Amino acid sequence: MPRMSLDLRYPVGPYQRTPRPDARARRAALDDIARLPARLAGAVAGLSDAQLDTPYRPDGWTARQVVHHVPDSHVNAYVRMKLIATEDRPALQTYDEKAWADQPEARHAPIAMSLTLIEALHACWVAWLESLDKATLARTAQHPDWGEVSIDELIQLYGWHGRHHVAHITALREREGW
């Protein structure tokens, strides 16, 4: 189980960028990505609508918004990585994740649809990532906030990202005694 932080924003600690991860770090991050659908589903299992509509921290998203955010973010990551693999140093687009999380479906829709989406997406994503050779993993793109970033680095980021958001929900459950 990941070490929990007292900072409610970063319950597993802030992301630490790893410019050139080794094979062991890559495997660990891929395992985190592969296990995320089950971990996310487990984190919200049995929660009522009122519990899902509880913010994980003051001025934070609700558990429901977190569940809907994860596939929003990971769909973008999947597309970004495919662009990096197939284009020469593409310029990556950002999106306003806060505005996406404030959309009506993210605030009110059943979480089952996002849990289904994340399960299918991660099955495709992991199969594709595990098929990549070292040269493809090292391919880069320009991100407006992060600068030059490789597929390998993004694997690390999104392994952390899933753990980060699952921990938001599990820490909320622990604090609330759910």
Protein backbone atom coordinates (compact mmCIF):
# COMPACT_ATOMS: atom_id res chain seq x y z
CA MET A 1 0.00 0.00 0.00
CA PRO A 2 1.38 3.47 -0.89
CA ARG A 3 2.58 5.70 1.90
CA MET A 4 -0.07 8.29 2.73
CA SER A 5 0.77 11.98 3.09
CA LEU A 6 -0.91 14.40 5.49
CA ASP A 7 -1.38 16.85 2.59
CA LEU A 8 -4.93 16.15 1.38
CA ARG A 9 -4.02 17.39 -2.11
CA TYR A 10 -1.22 14.83 -2.49
CA PRO A 11 -2.04 11.77 -0.38
CA VAL A 12 0.75 9.73 -2.02
CA GLY A 13 3.05 12.75 -2.28
CA PRO A 14 3.53 15.12 -5.22
CA TYR A 15 4.66 13.70 -8.54
CA GLN A 16 8.43 13.44 -8.83
CA ARG A 17 9.49 13.67 -12.47
CA THR A 18 11.86 10.91 -13.60
CA PRO A 19 13.43 11.97 -16.93
CA ARG A 20 14.95 8.57 -17.79
CA PRO A 21 13.17 5.82 -15.86
CA ASP A 22 14.79 2.40 -15.85
CA ALA A 23 13.07 -0.88 -16.73
CA ARG A 24 12.11 -1.55 -13.10
CA ALA A 25 10.46 1.87 -12.72
CA ARG A 26 8.68 1.41 -16.06
CA ARG A 27 7.36 -2.01 -14.98
CA ALA A 28 6.11 -0.62 -11.66
CA ALA A 29 4.32 2.26 -13.39
CA LEU A 30 2.80 -0.07 -16.01
CA ASP A 31 1.58 -2.31 -13.20
CA ASP A 32 -0.01 0.73 -11.53
CA ILE A 33 -1.74 1.63 -14.80
CA ALA A 34 -2.93 -1.95 -15.30
CA ARG A 35 -4.30 -2.23 -11.75
CA LEU A 36 -5.97 1.19 -11.68
CA PRO A 37 -9.42 0.12 -12.93
CA ALA A 38 -9.82 -2.46 -10.16
CA ARG A 39 -8.33 -0.14 -7.53
CA LEU A 40 -10.62 2.73 -8.52
CA ALA A 41 -13.69 0.47 -8.54
CA GLY A 42 -12.69 -0.90 -5.14
CA ALA A 43 -12.18 2.59 -3.74
CA VAL A 44 -15.76 3.60 -4.55
CA ALA A 45 -17.46 0.24 -3.96
CA GLY A 46 -20.53 0.60 -1.78
CA LEU A 47 -20.49 4.39 -1.61
CA SER A 48 -23.88 6.09 -1.64
CA ASP A 49 -24.68 9.05 -3.87
CA ALA A 50 -24.31 11.35 -0.86
CA GLN A 51 -20.86 9.90 -0.14
CA LEU A 52 -19.84 10.20 -3.81
CA ASP A 53 -20.90 13.84 -3.70
CA THR A 54 -18.57 14.57 -0.77
CA PRO A 55 -15.42 16.56 -1.58
CA TYR A 56 -12.20 14.70 -0.80
CA ARG A 57 -10.81 17.92 0.73
CA PRO A 58 -12.06 21.46 1.38
CA ASP A 59 -12.52 23.22 -1.97
CA GLY A 60 -11.70 19.94 -3.75
CA TRP A 61 -13.60 17.78 -6.18
CA THR A 62 -16.18 15.31 -5.00
CA ALA A 63 -15.39 11.61 -5.13
CA ARG A 64 -17.76 11.42 -8.12
CA GLN A 65 -15.83 14.15 -9.94
CA VAL A 66 -12.57 12.33 -9.23
CA VAL A 67 -13.95 9.11 -10.73
CA HIS A 68 -15.08 10.96 -13.87
CA HIS A 69 -11.79 12.91 -14.06
CA VAL A 70 -9.59 9.82 -14.23
CA PRO A 71 -10.82 8.58 -17.64
CA ASP A 72 -10.94 12.16 -18.94
CA SER A 73 -7.28 12.53 -18.06
CA HIS A 74 -6.22 9.07 -19.17
CA VAL A 75 -7.99 9.30 -22.54
CA ASN A 76 -5.97 12.47 -23.13
CA ALA A 77 -2.79 10.66 -22.02
CA TYR A 78 -3.46 7.72 -24.33
CA VAL A 79 -3.94 10.06 -27.29
CA ARG A 80 -0.84 12.07 -26.36
CA MET A 81 1.30 8.95 -26.20
CA LYS A 82 -0.03 7.69 -29.54
CA LEU A 83 0.80 11.06 -31.08
CA ILE A 84 4.33 10.86 -29.71
CA ALA A 85 4.75 7.33 -31.09
CA THR A 86 3.49 8.25 -34.56
CA GLU A 87 4.54 11.85 -35.16
CA ASP A 88 7.88 13.63 -35.05
CA ARG A 89 8.05 15.59 -31.75
CA PRO A 90 4.41 16.73 -31.76
CA ALA A 91 3.23 19.71 -29.77
CA LEU A 92 0.83 18.38 -27.16
CA GLN A 93 -2.41 20.10 -26.26
CA THR A 94 -3.53 20.81 -22.73
CA TYR A 95 -7.11 20.90 -21.50
CA ASP A 96 -8.79 22.65 -18.61
CA GLU A 97 -9.28 19.71 -16.25
CA LYS A 98 -11.15 21.87 -13.71
CA ALA A 99 -13.66 22.95 -16.36
CA TRP A 100 -14.05 19.32 -17.48
CA ALA A 101 -14.65 18.24 -13.87
CA ASP A 102 -17.33 20.93 -13.59
CA GLN A 103 -19.32 19.61 -16.55
CA PRO A 104 -22.79 18.25 -15.70
CA GLU A 105 -21.93 14.57 -16.26
CA ALA A 106 -18.85 14.82 -14.04
CA ARG A 107 -20.91 16.40 -11.25
CA HIS A 108 -24.02 14.23 -11.47
CA ALA A 109 -23.76 11.15 -13.72
CA PRO A 110 -23.48 7.62 -12.39
CA ILE A 111 -19.88 6.56 -11.90
CA ALA A 112 -20.44 3.17 -13.57
CA MET A 113 -19.93 4.66 -17.03
CA SER A 114 -16.52 6.09 -16.12
CA LEU A 115 -15.50 2.86 -14.36
CA THR A 116 -16.40 0.94 -17.54
CA LEU A 117 -14.52 3.42 -19.71
CA ILE A 118 -11.37 3.28 -17.56
CA GLU A 119 -11.41 -0.53 -17.62
CA ALA A 120 -11.61 -0.70 -21.42
CA LEU A 121 -9.16 2.16 -21.94
CA HIS A 122 -6.55 0.68 -19.62
CA ALA A 123 -6.80 -2.76 -21.23
CA CYS A 124 -6.01 -1.19 -24.62
CA TRP A 125 -3.44 1.23 -23.23
CA VAL A 126 -1.43 -1.35 -21.29
CA ALA A 127 -1.42 -3.83 -24.19
CA TRP A 128 -0.11 -1.09 -26.47
CA LEU A 129 2.48 0.24 -24.00
CA GLU A 130 3.84 -3.25 -23.33
CA SER A 131 4.37 -3.73 -27.07
CA LEU A 132 6.62 -0.67 -27.46
CA ASP A 133 10.36 -0.98 -27.97
CA LYS A 134 12.95 1.20 -26.19
CA ALA A 135 13.29 3.57 -29.12
CA THR A 136 9.55 4.28 -29.16
CA LEU A 137 9.43 4.68 -25.37
CA ALA A 138 12.17 7.32 -25.69
CA ARG A 139 10.31 9.36 -28.34
CA THR A 140 9.41 12.85 -27.17
CA ALA A 141 6.94 15.67 -27.61
CA GLN A 142 6.69 19.27 -26.47
CA HIS A 143 4.22 19.91 -23.69
CA PRO A 144 3.42 23.58 -23.02
CA ASP A 145 3.77 23.16 -19.24
CA TRP A 146 6.32 20.33 -18.89
CA GLY A 147 8.64 21.01 -21.83
CA GLU A 148 10.10 17.99 -23.61
CA VAL A 149 8.51 14.77 -22.37
CA SER A 150 8.91 11.14 -23.46
CA ILE A 151 6.45 8.28 -23.50
CA ASP A 152 8.54 6.68 -20.77
CA GLU A 153 8.13 9.76 -18.57
CA LEU A 154 4.39 9.87 -19.21
CA ILE A 155 4.08 6.23 -18.12
CA GLN A 156 5.59 7.29 -14.79
CA LEU A 157 3.28 10.28 -14.51
CA TYR A 158 0.10 8.32 -15.19
CA GLY A 159 1.09 5.45 -12.92
CA TRP A 160 1.37 8.07 -10.17
CA HIS A 161 -1.80 9.87 -11.31
CA GLY A 162 -3.97 6.81 -10.80
CA ARG A 163 -2.52 6.07 -7.36
CA HIS A 164 -2.94 9.75 -6.46
CA HIS A 165 -6.66 9.82 -7.22
CA VAL A 166 -7.46 6.43 -5.72
CA ALA A 167 -5.78 7.69 -2.55
CA HIS A 168 -7.97 10.80 -2.59
CA ILE A 169 -11.01 8.53 -2.30
CA THR A 170 -9.55 5.97 0.10
CA ALA A 171 -8.24 8.72 2.40
CA LEU A 172 -11.69 10.36 2.35
CA ARG A 173 -13.29 7.03 3.26
CA GLU A 174 -10.82 6.56 6.08
CA ARG A 175 -11.35 10.04 7.50
CA GLU A 176 -15.14 9.70 7.28
CA GLY A 177 -15.20 6.14 8.62
CA TRP A 178 -16.94 4.76 5.54
